Protein backbone atom coordinates (compact mmCIF):
# COMPACT_ATOMS: atom_id res chain seq x y z
CA UNK A 1 75.52 -34.96 -19.69
CA UNK A 2 73.54 -37.81 -21.30
CA UNK A 3 69.94 -37.59 -22.47
CA UNK A 4 68.99 -40.00 -19.69
CA UNK A 5 70.64 -37.87 -16.99
CA UNK A 6 69.05 -34.74 -18.43
CA UNK A 7 65.67 -36.46 -18.26
CA UNK A 8 66.33 -37.61 -14.69
CA UNK A 9 67.41 -34.12 -13.59
CA UNK A 10 64.38 -32.57 -15.27
CA UNK A 11 62.09 -35.10 -13.59
CA UNK A 12 63.62 -34.47 -10.16
CA UNK A 13 63.37 -30.70 -10.66
CA UNK A 14 59.74 -31.04 -11.70
CA UNK A 15 58.93 -33.18 -8.64
CA UNK A 16 60.72 -30.70 -6.37
CA UNK A 17 58.85 -27.78 -7.94
CA UNK A 18 55.53 -29.57 -7.59
CA UNK A 19 56.31 -30.51 -3.99
CA UNK A 20 57.30 -26.91 -3.18
CA UNK A 21 54.11 -25.56 -4.72
CA UNK A 22 51.99 -28.06 -2.81
CA UNK A 23 53.59 -27.02 0.48
CA UNK A 24 53.32 -23.29 -0.09
CA UNK A 25 50.20 -22.80 -2.19
CA UNK A 26 47.57 -24.67 -0.18
CA UNK A 27 45.09 -22.09 1.17
CA UNK A 28 44.02 -24.55 3.86
CA UNK A 29 47.57 -24.82 5.21
CA UNK A 30 48.09 -21.08 5.01
CA UNK A 31 44.83 -20.47 6.87
CA UNK A 32 46.08 -22.78 9.63
CA UNK A 33 49.36 -20.83 9.74
CA UNK A 34 47.46 -17.55 9.92
CA UNK A 35 45.43 -18.81 12.89
CA UNK A 36 48.60 -19.61 14.85
CA UNK A 37 50.42 -16.38 14.06
CA UNK A 38 50.30 -13.50 16.53
CA UNK A 39 50.11 -11.12 13.56
CA UNK A 40 47.58 -13.25 11.67
CA UNK A 41 43.84 -13.75 11.88
CA UNK A 42 41.20 -16.30 12.73
CA UNK A 43 37.98 -16.92 10.84
CA UNK A 44 34.64 -16.92 12.66
CA UNK A 45 31.03 -17.04 11.48
CA UNK A 46 28.48 -14.25 11.79
CA UNK A 47 25.94 -16.89 12.78
CA UNK A 48 27.98 -17.84 15.86
CA UNK A 49 28.89 -14.29 16.90
CA UNK A 50 25.66 -12.29 16.85
CA UNK A 51 25.65 -11.57 20.58
CA UNK A 52 29.21 -10.23 20.62
CA UNK A 53 29.22 -8.08 17.47
CA UNK A 54 29.97 -4.36 17.87
CA UNK A 55 26.63 -2.48 17.69
CA UNK A 56 27.69 -0.61 14.55
CA UNK A 57 28.52 -3.89 12.78
CA UNK A 58 25.28 -5.51 13.94
CA UNK A 59 23.35 -2.57 12.48
CA UNK A 60 25.06 -2.85 9.08
CA UNK A 61 24.64 -6.63 9.05
CA UNK A 62 20.92 -6.27 9.78
CA UNK A 63 20.48 -3.90 6.84
CA UNK A 64 22.33 -6.25 4.52
CA UNK A 65 20.29 -9.25 5.62
CA UNK A 66 17.09 -7.37 4.79
CA UNK A 67 18.45 -6.30 1.41
CA UNK A 68 19.50 -9.85 0.56
CA UNK A 69 15.93 -10.99 1.20
CA UNK A 70 14.95 -8.58 -1.57
CA UNK A 71 11.96 -7.15 0.26
CA UNK A 72 11.24 -3.47 -0.36
CA UNK A 73 14.54 -2.59 -2.01
CA UNK A 74 13.01 -0.52 -4.84
CA UNK A 75 10.46 2.32 -5.03
CA UNK A 76 6.94 1.40 -6.14
CA UNK A 77 7.15 3.98 -8.92
CA UNK A 78 9.84 1.85 -10.61
CA UNK A 79 7.66 -1.26 -10.94
CA UNK A 80 6.35 -0.58 -14.45
CA UNK A 81 9.76 0.55 -15.68
CA UNK A 82 11.34 -2.71 -14.52
CA UNK A 83 8.53 -4.99 -15.75
CA UNK A 84 10.89 -6.69 -18.23
CA UNK A 85 12.67 -8.39 -15.33
CA UNK A 86 9.55 -10.04 -13.85
CA UNK A 87 10.64 -9.08 -10.36
CA UNK A 88 8.48 -10.16 -7.40
CA UNK A 89 6.03 -7.57 -6.11
CA UNK A 90 7.58 -7.69 -2.65
CA UNK A 91 10.70 -6.03 -4.11
CA UNK A 92 8.80 -2.73 -4.31
CA UNK A 93 7.69 -0.41 -1.54
CA UNK A 94 6.63 3.17 -0.93
CA UNK A 95 9.51 3.50 1.57
CA UNK A 96 12.64 2.03 -0.07
CA UNK A 97 16.11 2.45 1.50
CA UNK A 98 16.90 4.83 -1.38
CA UNK A 99 14.85 6.46 -4.12
CA UNK A 100 17.82 6.13 -6.49
CA UNK A 101 17.88 2.95 -8.54
CA UNK A 102 19.83 1.73 -11.55
CA UNK A 103 18.34 2.11 -15.00
CA UNK A 104 17.12 -1.20 -16.48
CA UNK A 105 19.62 -0.86 -19.35
CA UNK A 106 22.55 -1.01 -16.90
CA UNK A 107 21.12 -3.98 -15.02
CA UNK A 108 20.42 -5.85 -18.27
CA UNK A 109 23.99 -5.19 -19.40
CA UNK A 110 25.43 -6.49 -16.11
CA UNK A 111 23.12 -9.52 -16.27
CA UNK A 112 24.26 -10.35 -19.81
CA UNK A 113 27.96 -9.75 -19.15
CA UNK A 114 27.91 -11.89 -15.99
CA UNK A 115 26.23 -14.72 -17.90
CA UNK A 116 28.78 -14.43 -20.72
CA UNK A 117 31.72 -14.49 -18.29
CA UNK A 118 30.23 -17.49 -16.51
CA UNK A 119 29.38 -19.52 -19.61
CA UNK A 120 32.74 -18.79 -21.23
CA UNK A 121 34.56 -19.62 -17.99
CA UNK A 122 36.45 -16.35 -18.24
CA UNK A 123 39.13 -15.33 -15.78
CA UNK A 124 38.98 -13.00 -12.80
CA UNK A 125 40.17 -9.96 -14.75
CA UNK A 126 37.28 -10.23 -17.22
CA UNK A 127 34.74 -10.38 -14.39
CA UNK A 128 36.37 -7.37 -12.74
CA UNK A 129 36.16 -5.24 -15.88
CA UNK A 130 32.84 -6.43 -17.30
CA UNK A 131 30.76 -6.93 -14.14
CA UNK A 132 32.31 -5.65 -10.92
CA UNK A 133 33.61 -2.28 -12.13
CA UNK A 134 30.20 -1.13 -13.51
CA UNK A 135 28.52 -2.02 -10.21
CA UNK A 136 31.02 -0.07 -8.12
CA UNK A 137 30.98 2.81 -10.57
CA UNK A 138 27.18 3.17 -10.34
CA UNK A 139 27.34 3.24 -6.54
CA UNK A 140 30.36 5.51 -6.06
CA UNK A 141 30.22 7.76 -9.11
CA UNK A 142 26.64 8.89 -9.73
CA UNK A 143 26.59 10.93 -12.90
CA UNK A 144 30.22 9.83 -13.48
CA UNK A 145 31.29 12.29 -10.77
CA UNK A 146 33.68 11.18 -8.02
CA UNK A 147 32.48 12.03 -4.53
CA UNK A 148 33.81 11.67 -0.99
CA UNK A 149 33.76 7.88 -1.34
CA UNK A 150 35.37 6.51 -4.49
CA UNK A 151 36.93 3.19 -5.51
CA UNK A 152 40.07 1.92 -7.20
CA UNK A 153 40.95 -1.24 -9.11
CA UNK A 154 44.12 -2.21 -7.24
CA UNK A 155 45.21 -5.78 -7.97
CA UNK A 156 48.91 -4.83 -7.64
CA UNK A 157 48.63 -3.04 -4.28
CA UNK A 158 50.70 -4.88 -1.68
CA UNK A 159 51.00 -4.30 2.04
CA UNK A 160 54.15 -2.56 3.22
CA UNK A 161 56.68 -4.96 4.77
CA UNK A 162 56.22 -3.31 8.17
CA UNK A 163 52.64 -4.60 8.36
CA UNK A 164 52.97 -7.91 6.55
CA UNK A 165 52.59 -11.21 8.43
CA UNK A 166 55.88 -12.31 9.94
CA UNK A 167 55.87 -16.15 9.99
CA UNK A 168 57.06 -18.08 6.99
CA UNK A 169 54.22 -19.54 4.96
CA UNK A 170 52.10 -16.38 5.24
CA UNK A 171 52.77 -14.43 2.05
CA UNK A 172 51.58 -10.88 1.56
CA UNK A 173 48.10 -10.78 0.04
CA UNK A 174 46.31 -8.33 -2.21
CA UNK A 175 42.70 -7.50 -3.03
CA UNK A 176 40.99 -6.45 -6.27
CA UNK A 177 39.18 -3.23 -5.36
CA UNK A 178 39.07 -0.78 -2.47
CA UNK A 179 36.53 1.90 -1.64
CA UNK A 180 38.38 4.89 -0.24
CA UNK A 181 37.76 8.28 1.30
CA UNK A 182 38.87 11.11 -1.00
CA UNK A 183 39.17 14.40 0.94
CA UNK A 184 39.02 17.55 -1.16
CA UNK A 185 42.45 18.73 -2.31
CA UNK A 186 43.73 21.44 0.01
CA UNK A 187 41.13 20.73 2.70
CA UNK A 188 42.17 20.54 6.35
CA UNK A 189 41.70 16.76 6.24
CA UNK A 190 43.85 16.46 3.12
CA UNK A 191 46.60 18.62 4.62
CA UNK A 192 46.55 16.67 7.90
CA UNK A 193 46.83 13.35 6.09
CA UNK A 194 49.79 14.64 4.08
CA UNK A 195 51.53 15.89 7.22
CA UNK A 196 51.07 12.55 9.00
CA UNK A 197 52.06 10.51 5.94
CA UNK A 198 55.32 12.40 5.42
CA UNK A 199 56.89 10.61 8.39
CA UNK A 200 55.29 7.21 7.86
CA UNK A 201 56.42 4.00 6.12
CA UNK A 202 56.02 4.46 2.38
CA UNK A 203 54.79 7.99 2.96
CA UNK A 204 51.30 6.52 3.25
CA UNK A 205 48.26 6.89 5.51
CA UNK A 206 47.40 3.25 4.73
CA UNK A 207 49.19 -0.08 5.08
CA UNK A 208 50.11 0.08 1.37
CA UNK A 209 51.85 2.78 -0.66
CA UNK A 210 50.03 1.99 -3.90
CA UNK A 211 49.03 5.06 -5.93
CA UNK A 212 46.34 7.23 -4.36
CA UNK A 213 46.20 4.98 -1.30
CA UNK A 214 49.03 7.04 0.16
CA UNK A 215 46.51 9.86 0.74
CA UNK A 216 43.05 8.27 0.65
CA UNK A 217 42.07 6.10 3.66
CA UNK A 218 40.80 2.64 2.72
CA UNK A 219 37.28 1.99 4.03
CA UNK A 220 36.01 -1.14 2.22
CA UNK A 221 38.05 -3.90 0.56
CA UNK A 222 36.78 -6.23 -2.17
CA UNK A 223 38.23 -9.55 -3.31
CA UNK A 224 36.88 -11.47 -6.31
CA UNK A 225 37.39 -15.12 -7.22
CA UNK A 226 35.88 -17.96 -9.21
CA UNK A 227 33.31 -20.08 -7.43
CA UNK A 228 35.38 -23.20 -6.63
CA UNK A 229 35.93 -24.12 -2.99
CA UNK A 230 39.70 -23.75 -3.37
CA UNK A 231 39.29 -20.23 -4.75
CA UNK A 232 36.91 -19.31 -1.94
CA UNK A 233 39.51 -20.34 0.64
CA UNK A 234 42.08 -18.21 -1.19
CA UNK A 235 39.73 -15.23 -1.04
CA UNK A 236 39.17 -15.66 2.70
CA UNK A 237 42.94 -15.92 3.21
CA UNK A 238 43.60 -12.81 1.13
CA UNK A 239 40.95 -10.72 2.86
CA UNK A 240 41.97 -11.93 6.32
CA UNK A 241 45.64 -11.08 5.85
CA UNK A 242 44.86 -7.76 4.13
CA UNK A 243 42.62 -6.72 7.02
CA UNK A 244 45.18 -7.90 9.59
CA UNK A 245 47.73 -5.58 7.95
CA UNK A 246 45.19 -2.75 7.95
CA UNK A 247 44.47 -3.21 11.66
CA UNK A 248 48.19 -3.10 12.48
CA UNK A 249 48.48 0.17 10.58
CA UNK A 250 45.46 1.69 12.33
CA UNK A 251 46.78 0.74 15.77
CA UNK A 252 50.10 2.37 14.92
CA UNK A 253 48.36 5.52 13.68
CA UNK A 254 46.19 5.69 16.80
CA UNK A 255 49.28 5.81 19.04
CA UNK A 256 47.51 4.20 21.97
CA UNK A 257 44.15 5.93 21.48
CA UNK A 258 41.04 3.77 21.50
CA UNK A 259 39.83 2.47 18.14
CA UNK A 260 36.33 1.95 19.51
CA UNK A 261 34.89 4.28 16.87
CA UNK A 262 36.52 2.15 14.17
CA UNK A 263 34.94 -1.03 15.44
CA UNK A 264 35.16 -3.09 12.26
CA UNK A 265 36.59 -3.19 8.75
CA UNK A 266 34.11 -4.29 6.07
CA UNK A 267 34.87 -6.38 3.04
CA UNK A 268 33.11 -7.95 0.09
CA UNK A 269 33.93 -11.38 -1.32
CA UNK A 270 32.68 -12.19 -4.82
CA UNK A 271 32.62 -15.84 -5.88
CA UNK A 272 31.60 -15.96 -9.52
CA UNK A 273 28.05 -14.61 -9.58
CA UNK A 274 27.54 -14.60 -5.80
CA UNK A 275 28.37 -11.61 -3.56
CA UNK A 276 29.02 -11.77 0.20
CA UNK A 277 29.70 -9.33 3.02
CA UNK A 278 32.48 -10.05 5.52
CA UNK A 279 34.00 -7.95 8.30
CA UNK A 280 37.08 -7.94 10.51
CA UNK A 281 37.21 -6.95 14.15
CA UNK A 282 40.14 -6.71 16.51
CA UNK A 283 40.84 -9.89 18.43
CA UNK A 284 43.04 -10.63 21.43
CA UNK A 285 46.83 -10.36 21.33
CA UNK A 286 47.07 -8.43 18.08
CA UNK A 287 45.20 -10.91 15.92
CA UNK A 288 42.13 -9.92 13.94
CA UNK A 289 38.93 -11.93 13.50
CA UNK A 290 37.43 -12.26 10.02
CA UNK A 291 33.68 -12.81 10.29
CA UNK A 292 32.14 -14.63 7.32
CA UNK A 293 29.81 -14.41 5.45
CA UNK A 294 26.44 -12.77 4.66
CA UNK A 295 25.03 -13.09 1.14
CA UNK A 296 24.15 -9.72 -0.42
CA UNK A 297 22.97 -10.70 -3.89
CA UNK A 298 23.68 -12.47 -7.15
CA UNK A 299 24.29 -11.40 -10.74
CA UNK A 300 22.30 -14.45 -11.89
CA UNK A 301 19.10 -12.39 -11.95
CA UNK A 302 17.99 -8.76 -12.05
CA UNK A 303 16.54 -8.79 -8.53
CA UNK A 304 19.89 -10.04 -7.22
CA UNK A 305 21.75 -7.26 -9.03
CA UNK A 306 19.48 -4.65 -7.46
CA UNK A 307 20.21 -6.25 -4.07
CA UNK A 308 23.96 -5.99 -4.72
CA UNK A 309 23.66 -2.33 -5.73
CA UNK A 310 21.65 -1.55 -2.60
CA UNK A 311 24.07 -3.47 -0.35
CA UNK A 312 27.17 -1.79 -1.77
CA UNK A 313 25.43 1.56 -1.35
CA UNK A 314 24.89 0.76 2.34
CA UNK A 315 28.65 0.29 2.68
CA UNK A 316 29.34 3.49 0.74
CA UNK A 317 27.05 5.39 3.14
CA UNK A 318 28.72 3.72 6.13
CA UNK A 319 32.13 4.81 4.84
CA UNK A 320 30.97 8.43 4.52
CA UNK A 321 28.80 8.71 7.63
CA UNK A 322 30.57 6.48 10.18
CA UNK A 323 34.05 5.43 9.12
CA UNK A 324 35.22 8.86 7.96
CA UNK A 325 34.06 10.86 11.02
CA UNK A 326 35.65 8.25 13.32
CA UNK A 327 38.86 8.23 11.28
CA UNK A 328 39.07 12.03 11.40
CA UNK A 329 38.60 12.07 15.17
CA UNK A 330 40.74 9.09 16.17
CA UNK A 331 43.50 9.11 13.56
CA UNK A 332 43.68 12.72 12.34
CA UNK A 333 42.77 14.38 15.64
CA UNK A 334 40.08 16.51 13.98
CA UNK A 335 36.63 17.08 15.44
């Protein structure tokens, strides 16, 4: 083969590869495919759906809106201790949502690491380790002790083929973190989950058989991306498909029982320094509806970090106080 023919073949291969990537990698096209698929999802806005939201979702959304405004998220007694951040006086109240708040050293460290990641244009993995992991750890592991609600860094967790979208052009999607329920080893709940999982795809209680997810029900999913519009569309696509798989698994587990108690699946999307709440509800004909998006804080400033910590703690409490009791009753058959 001549040099010219080699060059021509290489050029044609490159054009074919580029064309293939352009057809398959466009989040916009994949979102359109997802909307048409019976096993896919559609995106809707919270702002257009307030009157039809499940009451439990409306209650959580209301709390997160108040937290994002930054009013009364910290106890008055913390004002002097946090003076270095020059936070507005309206951030403090005698009746905060929680008397627990992060030490200023942690917030300063998150603030500095987020700025460094941003200014250095570092990749998603750096953000996850330097910024996102410390936030989730403070919320879920007070005193470095794992409780009922914990989290895992799970970028390689994929949905089992049984629950993945069926049409071509809708690849399986993953998320970065999940907050899960961790029943005590040997407890009735733990034993019941193991008994159910033994006969399920992948031997898992969830729609994925990744690590501890086989035994620990997923309550909150978190996807992180850079702040470009293209990356934001990818994040919406990933969360939408992930939740659609999770809903299919829950319906299968319920075996015809009503999922009214499990009215929505919450998620968090992180775009650079900005954090947002999203949620999925069941739609008609097997599709799910991904509702987007409510801001819950920013790592650009200390007040925004305290808002994020408070918002994530709301979701942790929801997982423990609402999701888990409903899951036990509906899925595990335990009162």
